[in-house]
Protein backbone atom coordinates (compact mmCIF):
# COMPACT_ATOMS: atom_id res chain seq x y z
CA MET A 1 -44.86 -37.69 2.76
CA LEU A 2 -48.02 -35.77 3.35
CA VAL A 3 -49.91 -34.32 0.40
CA LYS A 4 -52.86 -31.94 1.05
CA ASN A 5 -55.59 -31.55 -1.49
CA GLU A 6 -57.72 -28.57 -0.44
CA GLN A 7 -60.43 -29.03 -2.98
CA LEU A 8 -61.27 -32.59 -1.61
CA GLY A 9 -60.33 -31.50 2.05
CA SER A 10 -58.20 -34.77 2.34
CA VAL A 11 -54.54 -35.67 3.37
CA PHE A 12 -52.80 -38.35 1.41
CA VAL A 13 -49.87 -40.22 3.25
CA PHE A 14 -47.28 -41.92 0.99
CA GLY A 15 -44.52 -44.15 2.17
CA GLU A 16 -40.74 -44.45 1.46
CA SER A 17 -41.49 -46.48 -1.54
CA GLY A 18 -43.91 -44.03 -3.07
CA GLY A 19 -46.97 -46.08 -2.49
CA LEU A 20 -50.23 -44.48 -0.97
CA GLU A 21 -50.70 -45.72 2.74
CA GLU A 22 -53.35 -43.53 4.27
CA VAL A 23 -56.02 -41.04 3.34
CA TYR A 24 -57.56 -38.80 5.96
CA THR A 25 -60.58 -36.53 5.57
CA PRO A 26 -60.76 -34.33 8.76
CA GLU A 27 -64.21 -32.96 9.65
CA LEU A 28 -63.07 -29.22 9.39
CA GLU A 29 -64.93 -26.47 7.73
CA SER A 30 -61.87 -26.05 5.55
CA LEU A 31 -58.48 -27.95 5.51
CA GLU A 32 -56.17 -25.17 5.52
CA GLY A 33 -52.93 -26.96 6.37
CA VAL A 34 -51.27 -29.97 7.79
CA ALA A 35 -48.50 -30.18 10.47
CA VAL A 36 -46.50 -32.84 12.50
CA GLY A 37 -46.19 -32.56 16.21
CA LYS A 38 -44.96 -34.68 19.10
CA ASP A 39 -44.92 -38.43 18.67
CA ASN A 40 -45.17 -37.86 14.86
CA ARG A 41 -48.97 -37.00 15.39
CA ILE A 42 -50.37 -35.42 12.31
CA TYR A 43 -52.87 -32.56 12.61
CA GLY A 44 -54.93 -30.71 10.13
CA TYR A 45 -56.21 -27.28 11.01
CA CYS A 46 -58.69 -24.60 10.07
CA PHE A 47 -58.49 -20.95 11.42
CA THR A 48 -61.18 -19.33 9.40
CA GLY A 49 -64.10 -20.87 11.03
CA ALA A 50 -65.84 -19.88 14.27
CA GLU A 51 -62.78 -20.76 16.26
CA PRO A 52 -59.06 -21.93 15.51
CA VAL A 53 -59.22 -25.65 15.36
CA PHE A 54 -56.66 -28.53 15.09
CA MET A 55 -57.85 -31.95 14.31
CA GLU A 56 -55.60 -35.06 14.84
CA LEU A 57 -55.54 -37.30 11.60
CA GLY A 58 -56.23 -40.97 12.67
CA GLU A 59 -58.97 -43.14 13.97
CA GLU A 60 -60.06 -41.11 17.00
CA GLY A 61 -59.89 -37.65 15.10
CA LYS A 62 -59.81 -35.62 18.22
CA ARG A 63 -60.55 -31.77 17.94
CA PHE A 64 -58.52 -29.23 19.79
CA VAL A 65 -59.44 -25.52 20.01
CA CYS A 66 -56.24 -23.42 19.73
CA PRO A 67 -55.89 -20.58 22.34
CA VAL A 68 -54.41 -18.22 19.72
CA THR A 69 -55.18 -17.55 16.02
CA PRO A 70 -51.77 -18.09 14.37
CA LEU A 71 -50.53 -16.56 11.23
CA ALA A 72 -48.99 -19.79 10.10
CA VAL A 73 -48.23 -23.32 11.29
CA TYR A 74 -45.10 -25.40 11.09
CA SER A 75 -44.21 -28.89 12.06
CA GLY A 76 -42.10 -28.88 15.22
CA TYR A 77 -42.09 -32.69 15.88
CA GLU A 78 -40.90 -33.47 19.46
CA GLU A 79 -41.14 -29.88 20.50
CA GLY A 80 -44.85 -29.78 19.39
CA LEU A 81 -46.36 -27.63 16.46
CA CYS A 82 -44.81 -24.10 16.02
CA LEU A 83 -47.30 -21.36 15.69
CA ARG A 84 -46.13 -18.07 14.13
CA THR A 85 -47.88 -14.87 15.39
CA GLY A 86 -46.96 -11.23 14.62
CA GLU A 87 -45.11 -11.00 17.94
CA GLY A 88 -43.03 -14.24 17.76
CA MET A 89 -43.06 -17.98 17.58
CA LEU A 90 -44.76 -20.27 19.92
CA SER A 91 -44.67 -24.14 20.74
CA TYR A 92 -48.12 -25.66 20.94
CA VAL A 93 -49.21 -29.26 22.01
CA PRO A 94 -52.86 -29.57 21.07
CA GLU A 95 -53.58 -32.36 23.76
CA SER A 96 -52.40 -30.23 26.66
CA GLY A 97 -53.63 -26.89 25.26
CA GLU A 98 -50.38 -25.20 26.19
CA ALA A 99 -49.08 -22.47 23.84
CA GLU A 100 -45.48 -21.70 25.06
CA LYS A 101 -43.50 -18.62 23.61
CA LEU A 102 -40.16 -19.66 22.16
CA TRP A 103 -38.91 -16.20 21.05
CA GLU A 104 -40.05 -12.75 19.79
CA TRP A 105 -39.18 -11.52 16.41
CA LYS A 106 -37.89 -8.22 17.76
CA ASP A 107 -35.34 -10.03 19.84
CA GLU A 108 -32.10 -8.22 19.26
CA TYR A 109 -30.36 -11.76 18.57
CA ILE A 110 -33.08 -12.87 16.08
CA GLN A 111 -33.83 -9.87 13.85
CA ILE A 112 -36.17 -11.82 11.55
CA ASP A 113 -39.38 -10.66 9.83
CA GLY A 114 -41.78 -13.62 10.64
CA ASN A 115 -43.80 -13.16 7.55
CA GLN A 116 -40.80 -14.36 5.50
CA VAL A 117 -40.44 -17.66 7.28
CA ASP A 118 -41.00 -20.44 4.85
CA ARG A 119 -39.99 -23.66 6.68
CA VAL A 120 -39.03 -24.71 10.11
CA PHE A 121 -36.96 -27.68 11.07
CA GLN A 122 -36.05 -28.61 14.77
CA LYS A 123 -33.55 -30.96 16.36
CA ASP A 124 -32.56 -31.19 20.01
CA GLY A 125 -34.20 -27.85 20.84
CA THR A 126 -32.55 -25.86 18.15
CA TYR A 127 -34.84 -24.53 15.46
CA MET A 128 -33.51 -23.96 11.84
CA LEU A 129 -35.58 -21.41 10.01
CA LEU A 130 -35.66 -21.15 6.32
CA CYS A 131 -36.45 -17.59 5.30
CA LEU A 132 -37.16 -16.21 1.93
CA GLU A 133 -36.22 -12.63 2.51
CA MET A 134 -37.55 -10.10 -0.17
CA ILE A 135 -34.55 -7.72 0.14
CA PHE A 136 -35.06 -5.32 -2.82
CA GLY A 137 -38.78 -5.62 -3.42
CA ASP A 138 -39.70 -7.93 -6.23
CA ARG A 139 -36.92 -6.74 -8.48
CA VAL A 140 -34.57 -9.51 -7.61
CA LYS A 141 -34.93 -13.04 -6.36
CA PRO A 142 -35.44 -13.39 -2.57
CA LEU A 143 -32.49 -14.05 -0.42
CA LEU A 144 -32.36 -17.46 1.07
CA THR A 145 -31.42 -17.39 4.65
CA PHE A 146 -31.00 -20.20 7.31
CA SER A 147 -31.25 -19.07 10.89
CA ALA A 148 -30.48 -21.47 13.80
CA ILE A 149 -32.31 -20.35 17.00
CA THR A 150 -32.04 -21.89 20.43
CA PRO A 151 -34.62 -20.36 22.64
CA GLY A 152 -33.20 -18.73 25.64
CA GLY A 153 -29.72 -18.77 24.09
CA GLY A 154 -29.29 -14.98 24.22
CA GLY A 155 -28.33 -14.95 27.80
CA ASP A 156 -25.14 -16.51 26.85
CA TYR A 157 -23.87 -13.41 25.06
CA PRO A 158 -22.66 -10.15 26.65
CA VAL A 159 -24.67 -6.93 26.46
CA ARG A 160 -23.80 -5.38 23.21
CA GLN A 161 -22.99 -1.78 22.87
CA ALA A 162 -25.34 0.46 21.17
CA VAL A 163 -24.15 2.39 18.12
CA THR A 164 -26.61 5.08 16.87
CA PHE A 165 -27.12 5.75 13.32
CA ALA A 166 -28.97 8.93 12.19
CA VAL A 167 -30.79 8.28 8.86
CA PRO A 168 -33.06 10.63 7.01
CA ASP A 169 -36.66 9.25 7.23
CA LEU A 170 -36.69 8.84 3.45
CA ASN A 171 -33.46 6.64 3.50
CA ALA A 172 -34.41 4.48 6.51
CA ALA A 173 -35.85 1.59 4.72
CA ALA A 174 -32.94 1.37 2.20
CA ILE A 175 -30.40 1.00 4.96
CA GLY A 176 -32.59 -1.22 7.16
CA VAL A 177 -31.60 -4.56 5.51
CA GLN A 178 -27.74 -3.88 6.00
CA VAL A 179 -28.39 -2.84 9.70
CA GLN A 180 -30.42 -6.08 10.14
CA LEU A 181 -27.78 -8.37 8.68
CA TYR A 182 -24.94 -6.47 10.73
CA ASN A 183 -26.95 -6.93 14.13
CA ARG A 184 -27.48 -10.63 13.45
CA GLN A 185 -23.92 -11.34 13.32
CA SER A 186 -22.27 -8.87 15.63
CA ARG A 187 -21.72 -9.84 19.30
CA LYS A 188 -20.29 -6.65 20.50
CA TYR A 189 -22.27 -3.87 18.82
CA ARG A 190 -25.80 -3.16 17.96
CA ILE A 191 -26.99 -0.49 15.29
CA GLU A 192 -29.87 1.64 16.28
CA VAL A 193 -31.31 3.65 13.44
CA LEU A 194 -32.72 7.03 14.26
CA GLY A 195 -34.95 8.48 11.71
CA GLU A 196 -34.39 12.26 11.66
CA ASP A 197 -35.21 15.22 9.65
CA THR A 198 -32.28 16.05 7.45
CA LEU A 199 -31.94 19.67 8.62
CA THR A 200 -32.30 18.72 12.39
CA TYR A 201 -29.34 16.37 12.47
CA GLU A 202 -27.35 18.75 10.45
CA LYS A 203 -27.70 21.39 12.97
CA LYS A 204 -26.70 18.62 15.64
CA LEU A 205 -23.48 17.99 13.77
CA ILE A 206 -22.54 21.63 13.65
CA GLN A 207 -23.09 21.83 17.35
CA GLY A 208 -20.88 18.76 18.07
CA ILE A 209 -23.67 16.42 19.20
CA GLY A 210 -25.79 13.72 17.45
CA ALA A 211 -25.64 10.14 16.42
CA ASP A 212 -22.42 8.02 16.17
CA LEU A 213 -23.07 7.41 12.48
CA MET A 214 -24.85 9.70 9.90
CA ASP A 215 -26.15 9.06 6.49
CA VAL A 216 -25.06 12.28 4.81
CA THR A 217 -26.25 11.57 1.30
CA THR A 218 -28.83 14.31 1.17
CA ILE A 219 -27.33 17.01 3.20
CA TYR A 220 -24.51 19.72 2.01
CA ARG A 221 -21.39 17.95 3.36
CA GLY A 222 -18.85 20.82 2.54
CA ASN A 223 -19.72 22.94 5.53
CA LEU A 224 -19.90 20.00 7.86
CA ALA A 225 -16.41 18.88 6.80
CA ARG A 226 -14.93 22.33 7.26
CA HIS A 227 -16.44 22.46 10.66
CA GLY A 228 -14.65 19.18 11.48
CA ALA A 229 -17.76 17.29 12.03
CA PHE A 230 -16.70 14.20 10.31
CA GLU A 231 -14.04 11.65 11.68
CA GLU A 232 -11.21 11.20 9.32
CA LEU A 233 -10.86 7.42 8.12
CA ASP A 234 -7.44 6.98 6.87
CA SER A 235 -6.22 5.34 10.06
CA TYR A 236 -9.18 3.04 10.31
CA PHE A 237 -8.46 1.79 6.67
CA GLU A 238 -4.80 1.23 7.30
CA SER A 239 -5.38 -0.79 10.46
CA SER A 240 -8.25 -2.90 9.07
CA GLN A 241 -7.86 -6.53 8.50
CA VAL A 242 -11.12 -6.52 6.26
CA VAL A 243 -10.59 -3.61 3.74
CA SER A 244 -8.15 -0.91 2.60
CA SER A 245 -8.93 2.34 0.88
CA GLU A 246 -7.07 1.02 -2.31
CA ASP A 247 -9.74 -1.81 -2.53
CA ILE A 248 -12.49 0.77 -3.32
CA VAL A 249 -13.15 1.74 -6.75
CA ASP A 250 -10.94 4.85 -7.34
CA SER A 251 -13.82 7.29 -8.36
CA VAL A 252 -16.02 6.11 -5.46
CA ARG A 253 -13.09 6.44 -2.98
CA ALA A 254 -12.43 10.00 -4.30
CA ALA A 255 -16.20 10.78 -3.64
CA GLY A 256 -15.63 10.04 -0.04
CA VAL A 257 -12.92 12.77 0.26
CA ILE A 258 -14.20 16.13 1.28
CA ASN A 259 -11.91 19.17 1.61
CA GLY A 260 -8.92 16.89 1.20
CA LYS A 261 -9.97 14.56 4.03
CA ASN A 262 -11.23 10.81 3.64
CA VAL A 263 -14.38 11.10 5.73
CA VAL A 264 -17.11 9.29 3.84
CA VAL A 265 -17.84 5.49 3.13
CA ILE A 266 -19.93 4.83 0.01
CA PRO A 267 -20.55 0.91 0.23
CA GLY A 268 -22.35 0.74 -3.23
CA PHE A 269 -23.37 2.94 -6.03
CA ASP A 270 -25.24 3.63 -9.27
CA LEU A 271 -24.21 5.77 -12.36
CA SER A 272 -26.24 8.37 -13.93
CA THR A 273 -25.97 9.91 -17.41
CA PHE A 274 -27.91 11.66 -20.23
CA ARG A 275 -28.55 9.71 -23.18
CA ALA A 276 -28.65 11.34 -26.56
CA ARG A 277 -31.15 10.26 -28.99
CA GLY A 278 -28.91 9.43 -31.88
CA ASP A 279 -25.50 10.69 -32.96
CA LEU A 280 -26.15 14.24 -31.72
CA VAL A 281 -23.02 14.72 -29.51
CA THR A 282 -19.95 12.81 -28.32
CA PRO A 283 -18.84 12.88 -24.78
CA GLU A 284 -15.82 14.70 -25.67
CA GLU A 285 -17.70 17.74 -27.15
CA TRP A 286 -20.39 17.64 -24.53
CA THR A 287 -19.49 20.83 -22.81
CA VAL A 288 -21.54 23.49 -21.17
CA TRP A 289 -21.42 25.76 -24.23
CA LYS A 290 -22.42 23.04 -26.53
CA PHE A 291 -25.40 22.13 -24.19
CA LEU A 292 -26.51 25.83 -24.18
CA GLU A 293 -26.17 26.09 -27.86
CA MET A 294 -28.49 23.11 -28.58
CA GLY A 295 -30.91 24.17 -25.91
CA GLU A 296 -31.52 27.48 -27.36
CA LYS A 297 -32.53 25.89 -30.80
CA ASP A 298 -34.23 22.54 -29.83
CA ARG A 299 -36.16 21.01 -27.06
CA MET A 300 -33.85 19.04 -24.84
CA PHE A 301 -35.86 17.29 -22.22
CA SER A 302 -39.42 16.29 -21.33
CA TYR A 303 -39.31 18.86 -18.50
CA GLN A 304 -36.90 21.76 -18.96
CA SER A 305 -36.79 25.51 -17.71
CA PRO A 306 -34.12 28.20 -17.53
CA VAL A 307 -33.56 27.36 -13.84
CA SER A 308 -33.09 23.51 -14.65
CA ALA A 309 -30.75 24.45 -17.49
CA LEU A 310 -28.78 26.63 -15.16
CA ASP A 311 -28.49 23.87 -12.52
CA LEU A 312 -26.88 21.48 -15.17
CA CYS A 313 -24.48 24.32 -16.17
CA MET A 314 -23.37 24.64 -12.52
CA GLY A 315 -21.82 21.17 -12.75
CA MET A 316 -21.66 18.26 -10.52
CA GLN A 317 -19.82 20.27 -7.78
CA TYR A 318 -22.40 23.08 -7.81
CA GLY A 319 -20.77 26.18 -8.78
CA GLU A 320 -17.24 25.20 -8.08
CA HIS A 321 -16.02 26.32 -11.45
CA PHE A 322 -16.57 29.94 -10.30
CA ILE A 323 -15.51 29.54 -6.60
CA ASP A 324 -11.96 29.37 -5.11
CA TYR A 325 -12.79 28.05 -1.53
CA GLU A 326 -9.25 28.26 -0.38
CA ASN A 327 -8.85 31.98 -1.09
CA LYS A 328 -12.48 32.65 -0.43
CA THR A 329 -13.05 34.32 -3.86
CA CYS A 330 -15.62 33.84 -6.74
CA SER A 331 -16.31 35.07 -10.25
CA PHE A 332 -20.09 35.12 -10.45
CA ASP A 333 -19.84 38.65 -11.90
CA GLY A 334 -17.50 37.59 -14.80
CA ALA A 335 -18.23 37.12 -18.51
CA GLU A 336 -18.64 33.33 -18.32
CA PHE A 337 -21.47 33.36 -15.74
CA LYS A 338 -23.27 36.29 -17.47
CA ARG A 339 -23.02 34.35 -20.78
CA ILE A 340 -24.70 31.31 -19.12
CA LEU A 341 -27.59 33.35 -17.62
CA GLU A 342 -28.34 34.93 -20.85
CA SER A 343 -28.36 31.70 -22.75
CA CYS A 344 -30.56 29.95 -20.03
CA GLY A 345 -32.90 32.79 -20.21
CA ARG A 346 -33.57 32.08 -23.82
CA TRP A 347 -34.47 28.39 -23.08
CA LYS A 348 -38.21 27.48 -23.56
CA THR A 349 -40.11 26.00 -20.65
CA TYR A 350 -41.77 22.46 -21.14
CA ASP A 351 -43.54 20.49 -18.43
CA ASP A 352 -45.22 17.34 -19.48
CA GLY A 353 -46.17 16.35 -15.75
CA SER A 354 -42.78 14.56 -15.70
CA ASN A 355 -39.27 15.90 -14.53
CA ILE A 356 -35.84 15.94 -15.80
CA SER A 357 -34.79 12.80 -13.88
CA TYR A 358 -37.45 10.17 -14.76
CA ASN A 359 -39.22 10.55 -18.18
CA THR A 360 -41.98 8.05 -18.70
CA GLN A 361 -43.34 9.02 -22.18
CA LYS A 362 -42.41 9.45 -25.67
CA GLY A 363 -41.79 12.81 -27.05
CA ASP A 364 -39.73 15.12 -29.21
CA TRP A 365 -37.03 15.83 -26.78
CA LEU A 366 -33.42 15.04 -27.52
CA PHE A 367 -31.89 13.71 -24.27
CA ASP A 368 -33.30 11.52 -21.33
CA ARG A 369 -31.58 10.27 -18.12
CA GLN A 370 -30.24 6.74 -17.94
CA VAL A 371 -29.09 4.99 -14.69
CA ILE A 372 -26.49 2.20 -14.54
CA THR A 373 -27.26 -0.04 -11.53
CA GLY A 374 -27.24 -3.52 -10.16
CA ALA A 375 -30.80 -3.97 -9.59
CA HIS A 376 -31.70 -6.17 -12.61
CA SER A 377 -30.11 -9.50 -13.42
CA VAL A 378 -30.91 -10.68 -16.95
CA ILE A 379 -32.45 -8.20 -19.50
CA PRO A 380 -31.55 -8.24 -23.24
CA TRP A 381 -28.61 -6.00 -24.09
CA LYS A 382 -29.83 -5.02 -27.40
CA SER A 383 -33.16 -3.71 -25.96
CA ASN A 384 -31.18 -1.03 -24.26
CA VAL A 385 -30.40 -2.77 -21.23
CA VAL A 386 -27.15 -4.27 -20.04
CA PRO A 387 -27.83 -7.44 -17.95
CA GLY A 388 -27.39 -6.40 -14.42
CA LEU A 389 -26.24 -2.94 -15.45
CA VAL A 390 -28.40 -0.50 -17.22
CA VAL A 391 -31.98 0.30 -16.19
CA GLU A 392 -34.02 1.51 -19.27
CA SER A 393 -36.59 4.21 -18.69
CA ASN A 394 -38.87 2.84 -21.53
CA ASN A 395 -39.56 6.21 -23.05
CA TYR A 396 -37.56 5.85 -26.15
CA GLU A 397 -36.29 2.79 -27.93
CA TYR A 398 -32.97 3.06 -29.41
CA THR A 399 -32.40 0.57 -32.31
CA GLY A 400 -28.82 1.35 -33.39
CA GLU A 401 -25.84 -0.69 -32.80
CA ASN A 402 -23.89 1.52 -30.54
CA TYR A 403 -26.19 2.18 -27.66
CA LEU A 404 -23.46 2.92 -24.99
CA ASP A 405 -22.05 5.63 -27.31
CA THR A 406 -25.18 7.55 -26.77
CA LEU A 407 -24.62 7.75 -22.91
CA VAL A 408 -22.73 11.18 -23.01
CA GLY A 409 -22.74 12.17 -19.53
CA TYR A 410 -23.84 15.50 -18.19
CA PRO A 411 -22.53 18.66 -19.71
CA GLY A 412 -19.22 19.69 -18.14
CA TRP A 413 -16.35 22.22 -18.77
CA GLU A 414 -13.99 19.66 -20.25
CA GLY A 415 -16.71 17.38 -21.74
CA GLY A 416 -19.31 14.94 -20.48
CA GLU A 417 -19.45 14.07 -16.78
CA TYR A 418 -20.82 10.96 -15.29
CA GLU A 419 -22.69 10.97 -11.93
CA ILE A 420 -21.97 8.72 -8.98
CA MET A 421 -25.37 7.90 -7.23
CA PRO A 422 -24.38 6.61 -3.75
CA ALA A 423 -26.54 3.86 -2.24
CA GLN A 424 -25.56 5.59 0.94
CA MET A 425 -22.99 8.08 2.07
CA ILE A 426 -22.06 7.29 5.67
CA ALA A 427 -19.77 9.27 7.97
CA ILE A 428 -18.57 8.86 11.60
CA ASN A 429 -19.50 11.79 13.89
CA SER A 430 -16.23 13.15 15.03
CA ALA A 431 -17.85 13.83 18.53
CA SER A 432 -18.90 10.05 18.72
CA LYS A 433 -18.25 8.20 21.89
CA ASN A 434 -18.15 4.89 20.18
CA LYS A 435 -16.14 5.38 17.09
CA GLU A 436 -14.73 1.78 17.19
CA GLY A 437 -18.28 0.49 16.92
CA ALA A 438 -19.29 2.93 14.12
CA TRP A 439 -16.18 1.85 12.12
CA ASP A 440 -17.11 -1.86 12.77
CA PHE A 441 -20.29 -1.31 10.96
CA LEU A 442 -18.70 0.49 8.10
CA GLU A 443 -16.14 -2.10 7.80
CA TYR A 444 -18.89 -4.86 7.56
CA LEU A 445 -20.48 -2.83 4.71
CA LEU A 446 -17.23 -3.16 2.88
CA SER A 447 -16.45 -6.69 3.92
CA ASP A 448 -16.52 -9.80 1.46
CA GLU A 449 -19.82 -11.03 2.90
CA MET A 450 -21.66 -7.78 2.22
CA GLN A 451 -20.00 -6.72 -0.95
CA ALA A 452 -20.70 -10.22 -2.52
CA MET A 453 -24.42 -9.60 -2.17
CA PHE A 454 -24.59 -5.94 -2.24
CA TYR A 455 -26.70 -5.56 -5.41
CA ARG A 456 -29.18 -8.11 -3.69
CA VAL A 457 -29.57 -6.05 -0.54
CA SER A 458 -29.81 -2.51 -2.10
CA GLY A 459 -30.19 -2.84 -5.88
CA SER A 460 -26.73 -0.95 -6.25
CA MET A 461 -23.35 -1.97 -7.58
CA PRO A 462 -20.70 -2.90 -5.00
CA ALA A 463 -18.05 -0.28 -4.23
CA ARG A 464 -15.01 -2.63 -3.87
CA LYS A 465 -12.96 -3.24 -7.09
CA ASP A 466 -13.08 -6.94 -6.87
CA TYR A 467 -16.77 -7.28 -6.51
CA PHE A 468 -17.56 -4.42 -8.91
CA GLU A 469 -15.58 -6.29 -11.56
CA GLU A 470 -17.47 -9.46 -10.82
CA HIS A 471 -20.70 -7.57 -11.08
CA LEU A 472 -19.78 -6.36 -14.42
CA ARG A 473 -19.33 -9.95 -15.47
CA HIS A 474 -22.49 -11.06 -13.85
CA SER A 475 -24.39 -11.02 -17.18
CA TYR A 476 -22.42 -13.78 -18.72
CA SER A 477 -23.58 -16.15 -16.05
CA ASP A 478 -27.04 -16.79 -17.69
CA PRO A 479 -26.92 -19.54 -20.26
CA ALA A 480 -29.87 -18.06 -22.13
CA TYR A 481 -27.73 -15.25 -23.34
CA LYS A 482 -24.40 -16.86 -23.49
CA ASN A 483 -22.90 -16.36 -27.07
CA SER A 484 -26.25 -14.59 -28.20
CA PRO A 485 -26.75 -11.31 -30.02
CA GLU A 486 -27.97 -9.91 -26.59
CA GLU A 487 -24.68 -10.74 -24.80
CA PRO A 488 -22.60 -7.59 -24.00
CA THR A 489 -19.30 -7.55 -25.65
CA GLU A 490 -15.77 -6.93 -23.85
CA ALA A 491 -16.08 -3.38 -25.38
CA ASP A 492 -19.51 -2.77 -23.88
CA ILE A 493 -18.18 -3.94 -20.48
CA GLU A 494 -15.08 -1.67 -20.80
CA ARG A 495 -17.33 1.27 -21.76
CA VAL A 496 -19.34 0.76 -18.52
CA ARG A 497 -16.01 0.46 -16.39
CA GLU A 498 -14.72 3.81 -18.12
CA MET A 499 -17.92 5.62 -17.09
CA ALA A 500 -17.51 4.40 -13.49
CA GLU A 501 -13.89 5.38 -13.18
CA ALA A 502 -14.60 8.89 -14.51
CA ALA A 503 -17.77 9.46 -12.41
CA VAL A 504 -18.15 12.06 -9.57
CA VAL A 505 -20.63 12.57 -6.97
CA SER A 506 -23.14 15.50 -7.35
CA SER A 507 -23.46 18.30 -4.72
CA GLY A 508 -26.06 20.21 -6.64
CA GLY A 509 -29.14 18.34 -5.50
CA GLN A 510 -28.65 18.71 -1.84
CA ARG A 511 -31.31 20.95 -0.30
CA THR A 512 -28.95 22.69 2.07
CA ASP A 513 -26.24 23.76 -0.34
CA PRO A 514 -25.85 27.53 0.25
CA VAL A 515 -24.38 28.48 -3.10
CA ALA A 516 -27.14 26.44 -4.80
CA SER A 517 -29.83 28.26 -2.89
CA ILE A 518 -28.31 31.69 -3.53
CA VAL A 519 -27.80 31.16 -7.42
CA ARG A 520 -31.27 29.72 -7.86
CA GLU A 521 -33.14 32.31 -5.92
CA GLU A 522 -31.40 35.37 -7.67
CA ALA A 523 -31.47 33.67 -11.20
CA SER A 524 -35.08 32.99 -10.95
CA MET A 525 -35.80 36.60 -10.41
CA TYR A 526 -33.72 37.29 -13.57
CA PHE A 527 -35.69 34.60 -15.65
CA ALA A 528 -38.94 36.06 -14.45
CA GLY A 529 -38.00 39.54 -15.72
CA ASP A 530 -37.93 41.00 -12.18
CA ALA A 531 -34.20 41.79 -12.26
CA THR A 532 -31.63 42.90 -14.77
CA LEU A 533 -28.67 40.75 -15.70
CA ASP A 534 -26.00 43.08 -14.13
CA ALA A 535 -28.07 43.53 -10.92
CA THR A 536 -28.51 39.72 -10.66
CA VAL A 537 -24.82 38.78 -11.01
CA GLN A 538 -23.88 41.50 -8.70
CA LYS A 539 -26.09 40.18 -6.00
CA ILE A 540 -25.09 36.61 -6.46
CA GLN A 541 -21.33 37.57 -6.23
CA THR A 542 -21.96 39.71 -3.07
CA ARG A 543 -24.03 37.07 -1.31
CA VAL A 544 -21.55 34.11 -2.16
CA LEU A 545 -18.68 36.22 -1.00
CA LEU A 546 -20.41 36.90 2.32
CA TYR A 547 -21.15 33.13 2.63
CA LEU A 548 -17.34 32.47 1.86
CA ASP A 549 -16.30 35.06 4.49
CA GLU A 550 -18.36 33.00 7.23
CA LEU A 551 -16.58 29.68 6.44
């Protein structure tokens, strides 16, 4: 066993019995590391001096100038030393001065970030890499990955078919890990991520062109579904040996149905809700009218305005309470919508440099937003965070006994509504030439392998019922919280399950939602005093009808 002491600049060699056998102090500017090469020769090295140098430890103590400056060195034994560079891995024999390229990190059959390689083991020409992959930033433990690499072995595999995947630039990093894991194991297909502007590829879909797969999380899906831009997935689920549609959490499966057609896969999700500060309201009575009544009297949020209040009144499916898409009619000129506009117009505007989604400071408002997720593993329940479930925004400490009772949802017409926040919403382009390859990727995202670790690779809860249920129980696995006051009860877990089962996906935040754009534009003029109530509702009614006629 080798032990390096950087302060002394020495290497201590211990035998199998644990006794000290040798001590080496190589003549290097600094001893930065030790590695073993051919014939079990041991080398110390220094790269921060005038030139990168290796020195063999022993009586002769020969110095060798390395032809490259590596980022890291690993013991390669009979294959020589392994030198990691930004481009790939090299095999280096100091005595010969040769540095031979073993592989490139960007090789399609390797797909490894070299910076995450922790150890290298080699036998009979095959290298086993131990990688500590930081999947979801520093919020969860790294994913331990073993990769067996045989240089030159990629030629034994057939050329893989490319499957293109259009992802908004903002979402490209989030899906990157899933794509990387898929590309490592697939021998038939290879996903190519295309970062595109949202509006650009929405236009492509309408024109019947574009990528095979599309992340449609941030675009308005209603119009595209009506134009037949998305492939129907029922037949794919029915023939799959990996997953059926019944395996998906019911509310998540329903969120993938647009205009009555199953067209979107959601591999993982979070939940979003408002939290009431105290016993202000129950989910059952948290209607649009209760919301407006309270907002006219008290400050509701850190950031609020008449427009933000109106957005919430429009519901998760923005404005659908007032629209009959099948018959192409709407009722924005009716008494209900007029009453909403008048009430929202009486709301005071507050802006603390924050926003309605993420409050970061304490104040006198009555509600804040909570997100139920899978990103955190062990955080005390009674400090407002379910282990592995609820992310606390740290802006208001709740000290009561019934924390989950304060998660009342968003105001709805029949009571509180909970929001599904998809990790991704992915559809197959109906014009794709490689639908089989596109489905193979979606099937992989819903497979046992991926769902079992989905919260590790995305920070979100898995979409399949079996793994979602396992995730709900994840908090019980830490002995520190077993049978402690912080441990969630069965009733707590059931409450989170109920919220998930009742949740829906919101369409109101999508930038290209035509109805939302019309309502916000005209209502803003009314709130600013630049238009009357009657004129405003009439303009909204007329413009929405024109939009419906074009569908």
